[in-house]
Structures are given as structure tokens and as C-alpha cells.
Amino acid sequence: MPNTKSAEKNQRKSQRKRIFNLRAKKELKEQLKQLKALIDAKKKEEALSFFPTIQSLLDRLVKRKKLVANTANRKKKRLLKKIEKISSV
């Protein structure tokens, strides 16, 4: 329970930010799930064409400071490695 007006305002702000953060996290999770399904189905062409959407989503989240840049880069690199691995198998 906030004691001051500024604490009440901060609580409102944090609740609003929480909703936006959860929405962004959910969107990323859904996109990653779709790409991993394509990878599991060994559909390399479709996965490669879908990858730029995830890449732009990760970049957008970094820009909005919802995700750390190194984390986004690591995710992109690992996903691309998995996609490239499809053809060699």
C-alpha cells in the first residue's frame, strides 16, 4: 500500500509497464515457438524466410529496452545456427 502520492503514481506506472513488458514477452515467445516448429519440421526455406520477422522483433525489443542487446544477439545467432544445421543433416 503506497503511503504518498508519488508512490501511488509509481505504482500505476509500474503496473502499466508490466502489462507492456508481458505483452512483448508473450509476442516473442509465440514467434520463437513458430520458428522452432519450422526447424523441427526441417523446413529450412520457410524458417529462413520467417527469421527476419523474429530478428526485427528482437531488435525492436532492444530498442525499447525490454531486452538486453547481448541477449538478443545471442538468441539470433543460436536460431540461425539451428536453421543452418537443417541442411547438413
C-alpha atoms as a PDB file:
ATOM      1  CA  MET A   1       0.000   0.000   0.000  1.00  0.00           C
ATOM      2  CA  PRO A   2       1.600   3.267  -1.116  1.00  0.00           C
ATOM      3  CA  ASN A   3       1.900   5.968   1.515  1.00  0.00           C
ATOM      4  CA  THR A   4       2.470   9.047  -0.641  1.00  0.00           C
ATOM      5  CA  LYS A   5       1.061  10.449  -3.881  1.00  0.00           C
ATOM      6  CA  SER A   6       4.337   9.833  -5.689  1.00  0.00           C
ATOM      7  CA  ALA A   7       4.331   6.224  -4.516  1.00  0.00           C
ATOM      8  CA  GLU A   8       0.786   5.819  -5.856  1.00  0.00           C
ATOM      9  CA  LYS A   9       1.867   7.255  -9.204  1.00  0.00           C
ATOM     10  CA  ASN A  10       4.897   4.982  -9.327  1.00  0.00           C
ATOM     11  CA  GLN A  11       2.665   2.015  -8.631  1.00  0.00           C
ATOM     12  CA  ARG A  12       0.370   2.971 -11.531  1.00  0.00           C
ATOM     13  CA  LYS A  13       3.384   3.424 -13.808  1.00  0.00           C
ATOM     14  CA  SER A  14       4.877   0.086 -12.876  1.00  0.00           C
ATOM     15  CA  GLN A  15       1.566  -1.711 -13.443  1.00  0.00           C
ATOM     16  CA  ARG A  16       1.303  -0.132 -16.891  1.00  0.00           C
ATOM     17  CA  LYS A  17       4.910  -1.046 -17.733  1.00  0.00           C
ATOM     18  CA  ARG A  18       4.316  -4.578 -16.506  1.00  0.00           C
ATOM     19  CA  ILE A  19       1.456  -5.038 -18.962  1.00  0.00           C
ATOM     20  CA  PHE A  20       3.574  -3.781 -21.871  1.00  0.00           C
ATOM     21  CA  ASN A  21       6.501  -5.974 -20.821  1.00  0.00           C
ATOM     22  CA  LEU A  22       4.315  -9.069 -20.547  1.00  0.00           C
ATOM     23  CA  ARG A  23       2.796  -8.364 -23.961  1.00  0.00           C
ATOM     24  CA  ALA A  24       6.240  -8.026 -25.554  1.00  0.00           C
ATOM     25  CA  LYS A  25       7.488 -11.183 -23.837  1.00  0.00           C
ATOM     26  CA  LYS A  26       4.426 -13.127 -24.992  1.00  0.00           C
ATOM     27  CA  GLU A  27       4.812 -11.943 -28.592  1.00  0.00           C
ATOM     28  CA  LEU A  28       8.464 -13.013 -28.630  1.00  0.00           C
ATOM     29  CA  LYS A  29       7.629 -16.372 -27.121  1.00  0.00           C
ATOM     30  CA  GLU A  30       4.937 -17.051 -29.743  1.00  0.00           C
ATOM     31  CA  GLN A  31       7.236 -16.098 -32.631  1.00  0.00           C
ATOM     32  CA  LEU A  32      10.052 -18.287 -31.294  1.00  0.00           C
ATOM     33  CA  LYS A  33       7.635 -21.175 -30.917  1.00  0.00           C
ATOM     34  CA  GLN A  34       6.591 -20.846 -34.580  1.00  0.00           C
ATOM     35  CA  LEU A  35      10.194 -20.773 -35.762  1.00  0.00           C
ATOM     36  CA  LYS A  36      11.183 -23.761 -33.627  1.00  0.00           C
ATOM     37  CA  ALA A  37       8.235 -25.682 -35.084  1.00  0.00           C
ATOM     38  CA  LEU A  38       9.563 -24.963 -38.571  1.00  0.00           C
ATOM     39  CA  ILE A  39      13.046 -26.058 -37.513  1.00  0.00           C
ATOM     40  CA  ASP A  40      11.701 -29.284 -36.013  1.00  0.00           C
ATOM     41  CA  ALA A  41       9.764 -29.940 -39.220  1.00  0.00           C
ATOM     42  CA  LYS A  42      13.048 -29.427 -41.132  1.00  0.00           C
ATOM     43  CA  LYS A  43      11.563 -26.692 -43.335  1.00  0.00           C
ATOM     44  CA  LYS A  44      14.700 -24.669 -43.933  1.00  0.00           C
ATOM     45  CA  GLU A  45      13.364 -22.308 -46.618  1.00  0.00           C
ATOM     46  CA  GLU A  46      10.307 -21.368 -44.563  1.00  0.00           C
ATOM     47  CA  ALA A  47      12.414 -20.943 -41.438  1.00  0.00           C
ATOM     48  CA  LEU A  48      14.872 -18.697 -43.286  1.00  0.00           C
ATOM     49  CA  SER A  49      12.031 -16.556 -44.631  1.00  0.00           C
ATOM     50  CA  PHE A  50      10.462 -16.329 -41.144  1.00  0.00           C
ATOM     51  CA  PHE A  51      13.736 -15.471 -39.400  1.00  0.00           C
ATOM     52  CA  PRO A  52      13.785 -11.741 -40.366  1.00  0.00           C
ATOM     53  CA  THR A  53      10.487 -11.195 -38.542  1.00  0.00           C
ATOM     54  CA  ILE A  54      11.992 -12.560 -35.338  1.00  0.00           C
ATOM     55  CA  GLN A  55      15.161 -10.604 -35.949  1.00  0.00           C
ATOM     56  CA  SER A  56      13.238  -7.332 -36.272  1.00  0.00           C
ATOM     57  CA  LEU A  57      11.149  -8.174 -33.197  1.00  0.00           C
ATOM     58  CA  LEU A  58      14.285  -8.767 -31.133  1.00  0.00           C
ATOM     59  CA  ASP A  59      15.818  -5.526 -32.404  1.00  0.00           C
ATOM     60  CA  ARG A  60      12.633  -3.636 -31.554  1.00  0.00           C
ATOM     61  CA  LEU A  61      12.640  -5.051 -28.022  1.00  0.00           C
ATOM     62  CA  VAL A  62      16.264  -3.981 -27.598  1.00  0.00           C
ATOM     63  CA  LYS A  63      15.423  -0.516 -28.870  1.00  0.00           C
ATOM     64  CA  ARG A  64      12.566  -0.234 -26.347  1.00  0.00           C
ATOM     65  CA  LYS A  65      14.877  -1.565 -23.593  1.00  0.00           C
ATOM     66  CA  LYS A  66      12.731  -4.621 -22.974  1.00  0.00           C
ATOM     67  CA  LEU A  67      15.665  -6.906 -23.767  1.00  0.00           C
ATOM     68  CA  VAL A  68      19.431  -6.601 -23.389  1.00  0.00           C
ATOM     69  CA  ALA A  69      21.306  -6.286 -26.686  1.00  0.00           C
ATOM     70  CA  ASN A  70      23.675  -9.185 -25.997  1.00  0.00           C
ATOM     71  CA  THR A  71      20.743 -11.455 -25.151  1.00  0.00           C
ATOM     72  CA  ALA A  72      19.018 -10.603 -28.415  1.00  0.00           C
ATOM     73  CA  ASN A  73      22.218 -11.150 -30.398  1.00  0.00           C
ATOM     74  CA  ARG A  74      22.791 -14.491 -28.693  1.00  0.00           C
ATOM     75  CA  LYS A  75      19.240 -15.625 -29.491  1.00  0.00           C
ATOM     76  CA  LYS A  76      19.580 -14.578 -33.144  1.00  0.00           C
ATOM     77  CA  LYS A  77      22.919 -16.344 -33.503  1.00  0.00           C
ATOM     78  CA  ARG A  78      21.680 -19.586 -31.938  1.00  0.00           C
ATOM     79  CA  LEU A  79      18.497 -19.624 -34.012  1.00  0.00           C
ATOM     80  CA  LEU A  80      20.416 -19.012 -37.221  1.00  0.00           C
ATOM     81  CA  LYS A  81      22.817 -21.832 -36.312  1.00  0.00           C
ATOM     82  CA  LYS A  82      19.871 -24.194 -35.845  1.00  0.00           C
ATOM     83  CA  ILE A  83      18.399 -23.165 -39.191  1.00  0.00           C
ATOM     84  CA  GLU A  84      21.727 -23.631 -40.988  1.00  0.00           C
ATOM     85  CA  LYS A  85      22.145 -27.036 -39.357  1.00  0.00           C
ATOM     86  CA  ILE A  86      18.992 -28.316 -41.082  1.00  0.00           C
ATOM     87  CA  SER A  87      20.668 -28.691 -44.498  1.00  0.00           C
ATOM     88  CA  SER A  88      23.708 -30.562 -43.194  1.00  0.00           C
ATOM     89  CA  VAL A  89      21.598 -33.319 -41.635  1.00  0.00           C
END
